[in-house]
PDB file of N, CA and C in Angstrom:
ATOM      1  N   MET A   1     149.020 -45.064 -12.395  1.00  0.00           N
ATOM      2  CA  MET A   1     149.714 -44.236 -13.334  1.00  0.00           C
ATOM      3  C   MET A   1     148.778 -43.307 -14.090  1.00  0.00           C
ATOM      4  N   GLY A   2     147.532 -43.729 -14.273  1.00  0.00           N
ATOM      5  CA  GLY A   2     146.584 -42.914 -15.001  1.00  0.00           C
ATOM      6  C   GLY A   2     146.282 -41.609 -14.288  1.00  0.00           C
ATOM      7  N   SER A   3     146.369 -41.589 -12.967  1.00  0.00           N
ATOM      8  CA  SER A   3     146.028 -40.384 -12.230  1.00  0.00           C
ATOM      9  C   SER A   3     147.146 -39.348 -12.282  1.00  0.00           C
ATOM     10  N   ILE A   4     148.351 -39.705 -12.645  1.00  0.00           N
ATOM     11  CA  ILE A   4     149.467 -38.761 -12.718  1.00  0.00           C
ATOM     12  C   ILE A   4     149.267 -37.813 -13.904  1.00  0.00           C
ATOM     13  N   PHE A   5     148.781 -38.318 -15.027  1.00  0.00           N
ATOM     14  CA  PHE A   5     148.665 -37.513 -16.236  1.00  0.00           C
ATOM     15  C   PHE A   5     147.283 -36.860 -16.398  1.00  0.00           C
ATOM     16  N   ARG A   6     146.373 -37.145 -15.525  1.00  0.00           N
ATOM     17  CA  ARG A   6     145.036 -36.561 -15.582  1.00  0.00           C
ATOM     18  C   ARG A   6     145.059 -35.152 -14.990  1.00  0.00           C
ATOM     19  N   PRO A   7     144.402 -34.173 -15.675  1.00  0.00           N
ATOM     20  CA  PRO A   7     144.382 -32.823 -15.089  1.00  0.00           C
ATOM     21  C   PRO A   7     143.453 -32.779 -13.878  1.00  0.00           C
ATOM     22  N   LYS A   8     143.765 -31.897 -12.973  1.00  0.00           N
ATOM     23  CA  LYS A   8     142.951 -31.748 -11.766  1.00  0.00           C
ATOM     24  C   LYS A   8     141.683 -30.964 -12.123  1.00  0.00           C
ATOM     25  N   MET A   9     140.573 -31.321 -11.519  1.00  0.00           N
ATOM     26  CA  MET A   9     139.308 -30.620 -11.741  1.00  0.00           C
ATOM     27  C   MET A   9     139.352 -29.280 -11.022  1.00  0.00           C
ATOM     28  N   PRO A  10     138.952 -28.207 -11.735  1.00  0.00           N
ATOM     29  CA  PRO A  10     138.916 -26.910 -11.047  1.00  0.00           C
ATOM     30  C   PRO A  10     137.762 -26.885 -10.045  1.00  0.00           C
ATOM     31  N   ALA A  11     137.894 -26.031  -9.049  1.00  0.00           N
ATOM     32  CA  ALA A  11     136.841 -25.909  -8.037  1.00  0.00           C
ATOM     33  C   ALA A  11     135.595 -25.312  -8.688  1.00  0.00           C
ATOM     34  N   LEU A  12     134.431 -25.773  -8.255  1.00  0.00           N
ATOM     35  CA  LEU A  12     133.178 -25.261  -8.777  1.00  0.00           C
ATOM     36  C   LEU A  12     132.940 -23.840  -8.283  1.00  0.00           C
ATOM     37  N   PRO A  13     132.364 -22.986  -9.134  1.00  0.00           N
ATOM     38  CA  PRO A  13     132.078 -21.618  -8.682  1.00  0.00           C
ATOM     39  C   PRO A  13     130.972 -21.642  -7.635  1.00  0.00           C
ATOM     40  N   PRO A  14     130.914 -20.622  -6.781  1.00  0.00           N
ATOM     41  CA  PRO A  14     129.862 -20.600  -5.755  1.00  0.00           C
ATOM     42  C   PRO A  14     128.486 -20.455  -6.414  1.00  0.00           C
ATOM     43  N   VAL A  15     127.483 -20.994  -5.772  1.00  0.00           N
ATOM     44  CA  VAL A  15     126.118 -20.952  -6.296  1.00  0.00           C
ATOM     45  C   VAL A  15     125.533 -19.564  -6.069  1.00  0.00           C
ATOM     46  N   GLN A  16     124.965 -18.997  -7.149  1.00  0.00           N
ATOM     47  CA  GLN A  16     124.342 -17.675  -7.047  1.00  0.00           C
ATOM     48  C   GLN A  16     122.940 -17.822  -6.463  1.00  0.00           C
ATOM     49  N   PRO A  17     122.516 -16.901  -5.614  1.00  0.00           N
ATOM     50  CA  PRO A  17     121.154 -16.991  -5.092  1.00  0.00           C
ATOM     51  C   PRO A  17     120.155 -16.726  -6.235  1.00  0.00           C
ATOM     52  N   ALA A  18     118.976 -17.326  -6.141  1.00  0.00           N
ATOM     53  CA  ALA A  18     117.951 -17.161  -7.169  1.00  0.00           C
ATOM     54  C   ALA A  18     117.440 -15.722  -7.165  1.00  0.00           C
ATOM     55  N   PRO A  19     117.149 -15.171  -8.348  1.00  0.00           N
ATOM     56  CA  PRO A  19     116.611 -13.806  -8.390  1.00  0.00           C
ATOM     57  C   PRO A  19     115.204 -13.781  -7.812  1.00  0.00           C
ATOM     58  N   PRO A  20     114.778 -12.648  -7.310  1.00  0.00           N
ATOM     59  CA  PRO A  20     113.427 -12.584  -6.736  1.00  0.00           C
ATOM     60  C   PRO A  20     112.386 -12.788  -7.844  1.00  0.00           C
ATOM     61  N   PRO A  21     111.269 -13.424  -7.519  1.00  0.00           N
ATOM     62  CA  PRO A  21     110.231 -13.654  -8.548  1.00  0.00           C
ATOM     63  C   PRO A  21     109.637 -12.324  -8.997  1.00  0.00           C
ATOM     64  N   PRO A  22     109.177 -12.260 -10.245  1.00  0.00           N
ATOM     65  CA  PRO A  22     108.574 -11.010 -10.724  1.00  0.00           C
ATOM     66  C   PRO A  22     107.277 -10.715  -9.984  1.00  0.00           C
ATOM     67  N   SER A  23     106.922  -9.469  -9.977  1.00  0.00           N
ATOM     68  CA  SER A  23     105.710  -9.050  -9.284  1.00  0.00           C
ATOM     69  C   SER A  23     104.493  -9.659  -9.963  1.00  0.00           C
ATOM     70  N   SER A  24     103.570 -10.183  -9.175  1.00  0.00           N
ATOM     71  CA  SER A  24     102.377 -10.799  -9.745  1.00  0.00           C
ATOM     72  C   SER A  24     101.289  -9.766 -10.025  1.00  0.00           C
ATOM     73  N   GLU A  25     101.487  -8.550  -9.566  1.00  0.00           N
ATOM     74  CA  GLU A  25     100.508  -7.498  -9.799  1.00  0.00           C
ATOM     75  C   GLU A  25     100.746  -6.878 -11.168  1.00  0.00           C
ATOM     76  N   ILE A  26      99.668  -6.559 -11.864  1.00  0.00           N
ATOM     77  CA  ILE A  26      99.751  -5.947 -13.183  1.00  0.00           C
ATOM     78  C   ILE A  26      99.244  -4.513 -13.061  1.00  0.00           C
ATOM     79  N   SER A  27      99.995  -3.593 -13.655  1.00  0.00           N
ATOM     80  CA  SER A  27      99.583  -2.190 -13.588  1.00  0.00           C
ATOM     81  C   SER A  27      98.348  -1.976 -14.454  1.00  0.00           C
ATOM     82  N   GLN A  28      97.678  -0.868 -14.227  1.00  0.00           N
ATOM     83  CA  GLN A  28      96.459  -0.552 -14.980  1.00  0.00           C
ATOM     84  C   GLN A  28      96.774  -0.385 -16.468  1.00  0.00           C
ATOM     85  N   GLU A  29      97.933   0.188 -16.788  1.00  0.00           N
ATOM     86  CA  GLU A  29      98.313   0.363 -18.195  1.00  0.00           C
ATOM     87  C   GLU A  29      98.460  -0.984 -18.894  1.00  0.00           C
ATOM     88  N   GLU A  30      99.073  -1.953 -18.210  1.00  0.00           N
ATOM     89  CA  GLU A  30      99.237  -3.281 -18.781  1.00  0.00           C
ATOM     90  C   GLU A  30      97.882  -3.968 -18.952  1.00  0.00           C
ATOM     91  N   LYS A  31      96.970  -3.779 -17.974  1.00  0.00           N
ATOM     92  CA  LYS A  31      95.632  -4.358 -18.080  1.00  0.00           C
ATOM     93  C   LYS A  31      94.905  -3.775 -19.282  1.00  0.00           C
ATOM     94  N   ASP A  32      95.025  -2.449 -19.484  1.00  0.00           N
ATOM     95  CA  ASP A  32      94.374  -1.804 -20.628  1.00  0.00           C
ATOM     96  C   ASP A  32      94.948  -2.315 -21.942  1.00  0.00           C
ATOM     97  N   ALA A  33      96.271  -2.504 -22.012  1.00  0.00           N
ATOM     98  CA  ALA A  33      96.906  -2.999 -23.234  1.00  0.00           C
ATOM     99  C   ALA A  33      96.446  -4.420 -23.542  1.00  0.00           C
ATOM    100  N   ILE A  34      96.335  -5.256 -22.516  1.00  0.00           N
ATOM    101  CA  ILE A  34      95.880  -6.637 -22.704  1.00  0.00           C
ATOM    102  C   ILE A  34      94.434  -6.650 -23.178  1.00  0.00           C
ATOM    103  N   ALA A  35      93.592  -5.818 -22.577  1.00  0.00           N
ATOM    104  CA  ALA A  35      92.177  -5.762 -22.967  1.00  0.00           C
ATOM    105  C   ALA A  35      92.038  -5.271 -24.403  1.00  0.00           C
ATOM    106  N   ALA A  36      92.824  -4.280 -24.796  1.00  0.00           N
ATOM    107  CA  ALA A  36      92.762  -3.766 -26.170  1.00  0.00           C
ATOM    108  C   ALA A  36      93.187  -4.847 -27.164  1.00  0.00           C
ATOM    109  N   GLU A  37      94.211  -5.592 -26.828  1.00  0.00           N
ATOM    110  CA  GLU A  37      94.674  -6.670 -27.708  1.00  0.00           C
ATOM    111  C   GLU A  37      93.598  -7.758 -27.849  1.00  0.00           C
ATOM    112  N   GLN A  38      92.926  -8.084 -26.760  1.00  0.00           N
ATOM    113  CA  GLN A  38      91.873  -9.098 -26.809  1.00  0.00           C
ATOM    114  C   GLN A  38      90.686  -8.619 -27.636  1.00  0.00           C
ATOM    115  N   ARG A  39      90.326  -7.322 -27.523  1.00  0.00           N
ATOM    116  CA  ARG A  39      89.241  -6.773 -28.339  1.00  0.00           C
ATOM    117  C   ARG A  39      89.608  -6.814 -29.816  1.00  0.00           C
ATOM    118  N   LYS A  40      90.867  -6.501 -30.111  1.00  0.00           N
ATOM    119  CA  LYS A  40      91.339  -6.513 -31.499  1.00  0.00           C
ATOM    120  C   LYS A  40      91.265  -7.927 -32.081  1.00  0.00           C
ATOM    121  N   LEU A  41      91.679  -8.919 -31.315  1.00  0.00           N
ATOM    122  CA  LEU A  41      91.614 -10.304 -31.782  1.00  0.00           C
ATOM    123  C   LEU A  41      90.173 -10.765 -31.957  1.00  0.00           C
ATOM    124  N   ALA A  42      89.281 -10.352 -31.044  1.00  0.00           N
ATOM    125  CA  ALA A  42      87.876 -10.742 -31.153  1.00  0.00           C
ATOM    126  C   ALA A  42      87.254 -10.129 -32.402  1.00  0.00           C
ATOM    127  N   ARG A  43      87.621  -8.891 -32.728  1.00  0.00           N
ATOM    128  CA  ARG A  43      87.112  -8.241 -33.931  1.00  0.00           C
ATOM    129  C   ARG A  43      87.562  -8.982 -35.185  1.00  0.00           C
ATOM    130  N   LYS A  44      88.817  -9.398 -35.206  1.00  0.00           N
ATOM    131  CA  LYS A  44      89.334 -10.146 -36.353  1.00  0.00           C
ATOM    132  C   LYS A  44      88.610 -11.478 -36.487  1.00  0.00           C
ATOM    133  N   ARG A  45      88.384 -12.151 -35.366  1.00  0.00           N
ATOM    134  CA  ARG A  45      87.718 -13.439 -35.380  1.00  0.00           C
ATOM    135  C   ARG A  45      86.294 -13.294 -35.900  1.00  0.00           C
ATOM    136  N   LYS A  46      85.596 -12.247 -35.459  1.00  0.00           N
ATOM    137  CA  LYS A  46      84.228 -12.017 -35.881  1.00  0.00           C
ATOM    138  C   LYS A  46      84.185 -11.698 -37.374  1.00  0.00           C
ATOM    139  N   GLY A  47      85.143 -10.946 -37.858  1.00  0.00           N
ATOM    140  CA  GLY A  47      85.179 -10.588 -39.265  1.00  0.00           C
ATOM    141  C   GLY A  47      85.333 -11.802 -40.156  1.00  0.00           C
ATOM    142  N   ARG A  48      86.166 -12.728 -39.774  1.00  0.00           N
ATOM    143  CA  ARG A  48      86.362 -13.937 -40.563  1.00  0.00           C
ATOM    144  C   ARG A  48      85.120 -14.819 -40.526  1.00  0.00           C
ATOM    145  N   LYS A  49      84.462 -14.904 -39.374  1.00  0.00           N
ATOM    146  CA  LYS A  49      83.279 -15.745 -39.238  1.00  0.00           C
ATOM    147  C   LYS A  49      82.126 -15.235 -40.085  1.00  0.00           C
ATOM    148  N   SER A  50      82.006 -13.921 -40.210  1.00  0.00           N
ATOM    149  CA  SER A  50      80.867 -13.379 -40.942  1.00  0.00           C
ATOM    150  C   SER A  50      80.968 -13.653 -42.437  1.00  0.00           C
ATOM    151  N   THR A  51      82.136 -14.008 -42.941  1.00  0.00           N
ATOM    152  CA  THR A  51      82.265 -14.291 -44.366  1.00  0.00           C
ATOM    153  C   THR A  51      81.876 -15.722 -44.707  1.00  0.00           C
ATOM    154  N   ILE A  52      81.734 -16.572 -43.724  1.00  0.00           N
ATOM    155  CA  ILE A  52      81.355 -17.958 -43.966  1.00  0.00           C
ATOM    156  C   ILE A  52      79.838 -18.017 -44.046  1.00  0.00           C
ATOM    157  N   LEU A  53      79.306 -18.399 -45.198  1.00  0.00           N
ATOM    158  CA  LEU A  53      77.868 -18.360 -45.412  1.00  0.00           C
ATOM    159  C   LEU A  53      77.195 -19.716 -45.233  1.00  0.00           C
ATOM    160  N   THR A  54      77.957 -20.742 -44.996  1.00  0.00           N
ATOM    161  CA  THR A  54      77.361 -22.062 -44.808  1.00  0.00           C
ATOM    162  C   THR A  54      77.660 -22.565 -43.408  1.00  0.00           C
ATOM    163  N   SER A  55      76.856 -23.511 -42.990  1.00  0.00           N
ATOM    164  CA  SER A  55      77.094 -24.129 -41.696  1.00  0.00           C
ATOM    165  C   SER A  55      77.959 -25.359 -41.915  1.00  0.00           C
ATOM    166  N   PRO A  56      78.400 -26.017 -40.860  1.00  0.00           N
ATOM    167  CA  PRO A  56      79.164 -27.255 -41.044  1.00  0.00           C
ATOM    168  C   PRO A  56      78.354 -28.341 -41.748  1.00  0.00           C
ATOM    169  N   LEU A  57      77.027 -28.204 -41.757  1.00  0.00           N
ATOM    170  CA  LEU A  57      76.166 -29.192 -42.401  1.00  0.00           C
ATOM    171  C   LEU A  57      75.928 -28.865 -43.873  1.00  0.00           C
ATOM    172  N   GLY A  58      76.403 -27.729 -44.335  1.00  0.00           N
ATOM    173  CA  GLY A  58      76.197 -27.337 -45.721  1.00  0.00           C
ATOM    174  C   GLY A  58      75.134 -26.260 -45.817  1.00  0.00           C
ATOM    175  N   ILE A  59      74.707 -25.959 -47.024  1.00  0.00           N
ATOM    176  CA  ILE A  59      73.689 -24.936 -47.235  1.00  0.00           C
ATOM    177  C   ILE A  59      72.354 -25.505 -46.800  1.00  0.00           C
ATOM    178  N   GLU A  60      71.643 -24.764 -45.958  1.00  0.00           N
ATOM    179  CA  GLU A  60      70.382 -25.251 -45.411  1.00  0.00           C
ATOM    180  C   GLU A  60      69.178 -24.628 -46.096  1.00  0.00           C
ATOM    181  N   GLU A  61      69.386 -23.592 -46.905  1.00  0.00           N
ATOM    182  CA  GLU A  61      68.273 -22.930 -47.575  1.00  0.00           C
ATOM    183  C   GLU A  61      67.962 -23.643 -48.882  1.00  0.00           C
ATOM    184  N   GLU A  62      66.715 -23.477 -49.311  1.00  0.00           N
ATOM    185  CA  GLU A  62      66.315 -24.032 -50.593  1.00  0.00           C
ATOM    186  C   GLU A  62      66.878 -23.161 -51.706  1.00  0.00           C
ATOM    187  N   ALA A  63      67.323 -23.777 -52.764  1.00  0.00           N
ATOM    188  CA  ALA A  63      67.857 -23.039 -53.897  1.00  0.00           C
ATOM    189  C   ALA A  63      66.705 -22.438 -54.701  1.00  0.00           C
ATOM    190  N   GLU A  64      66.913 -21.220 -55.192  1.00  0.00           N
ATOM    191  CA  GLU A  64      65.910 -20.576 -56.022  1.00  0.00           C
ATOM    192  C   GLU A  64      66.114 -21.035 -57.452  1.00  0.00           C
ATOM    193  N   THR A  65      65.219 -21.876 -57.934  1.00  0.00           N
ATOM    194  CA  THR A  65      65.347 -22.378 -59.296  1.00  0.00           C
ATOM    195  C   THR A  65      64.105 -22.007 -60.081  1.00  0.00           C
ATOM    196  N   GLU A  66      64.307 -21.645 -61.301  1.00  0.00           N
ATOM    197  CA  GLU A  66      63.205 -21.319 -62.196  1.00  0.00           C
ATOM    198  C   GLU A  66      63.429 -22.058 -63.504  1.00  0.00           C
ATOM    199  N   ASP A  67      62.364 -22.454 -64.128  1.00  0.00           N
ATOM    200  CA  ASP A  67      62.483 -23.042 -65.441  1.00  0.00           C
ATOM    201  C   ASP A  67      62.480 -21.915 -66.470  1.00  0.00           C
ATOM    202  N   LYS A  68      63.546 -21.817 -67.227  1.00  0.00           N
ATOM    203  CA  LYS A  68      63.630 -20.773 -68.224  1.00  0.00           C
ATOM    204  C   LYS A  68      63.093 -21.276 -69.564  1.00  0.00           C
ATOM    205  N   THR A  69      62.512 -20.371 -70.274  1.00  0.00           N
ATOM    206  CA  THR A  69      62.030 -20.704 -71.618  1.00  0.00           C
ATOM    207  C   THR A  69      63.154 -20.454 -72.600  1.00  0.00           C
ATOM    208  N   LEU A  70      62.926 -20.764 -73.840  1.00  0.00           N
ATOM    209  CA  LEU A  70      63.944 -20.566 -74.853  1.00  0.00           C
ATOM    210  C   LEU A  70      64.252 -19.088 -75.088  1.00  0.00           C
ATOM    211  N   LEU A  71      63.315 -18.207 -74.754  1.00  0.00           N
ATOM    212  CA  LEU A  71      63.513 -16.781 -74.962  1.00  0.00           C
ATOM    213  C   LEU A  71      64.226 -16.129 -73.788  1.00  0.00           C
ATOM    214  N   GLY A  72      64.486 -16.848 -72.734  1.00  0.00           N
ATOM    215  CA  GLY A  72      65.250 -16.332 -71.601  1.00  0.00           C
ATOM    216  C   GLY A  72      64.410 -15.604 -70.582  1.00  0.00           C
ATOM    217  N   SER A  73      63.093 -15.642 -70.645  1.00  0.00           N
ATOM    218  CA  SER A  73      62.291 -14.949 -69.639  1.00  0.00           C
ATOM    219  C   SER A  73      61.664 -15.900 -68.673  1.00  0.00           C
TER     220      SER A  73
END
């Protein structure tokens, strides 16, 4: 009796063929754009690194210390 009131399953649509894979070749314009982007990122990375004045081990130079007199010289 359960099968009388159950709706029938519609037929499945036909399977679409897979699209062709994209071309693996890159045009010269795309290569130039990629190279420019990489140069830009390298410049940014270098700029940030140059502002760091200490190494991971801390400051390695000796501190310049002088004993001051009461007169400040």
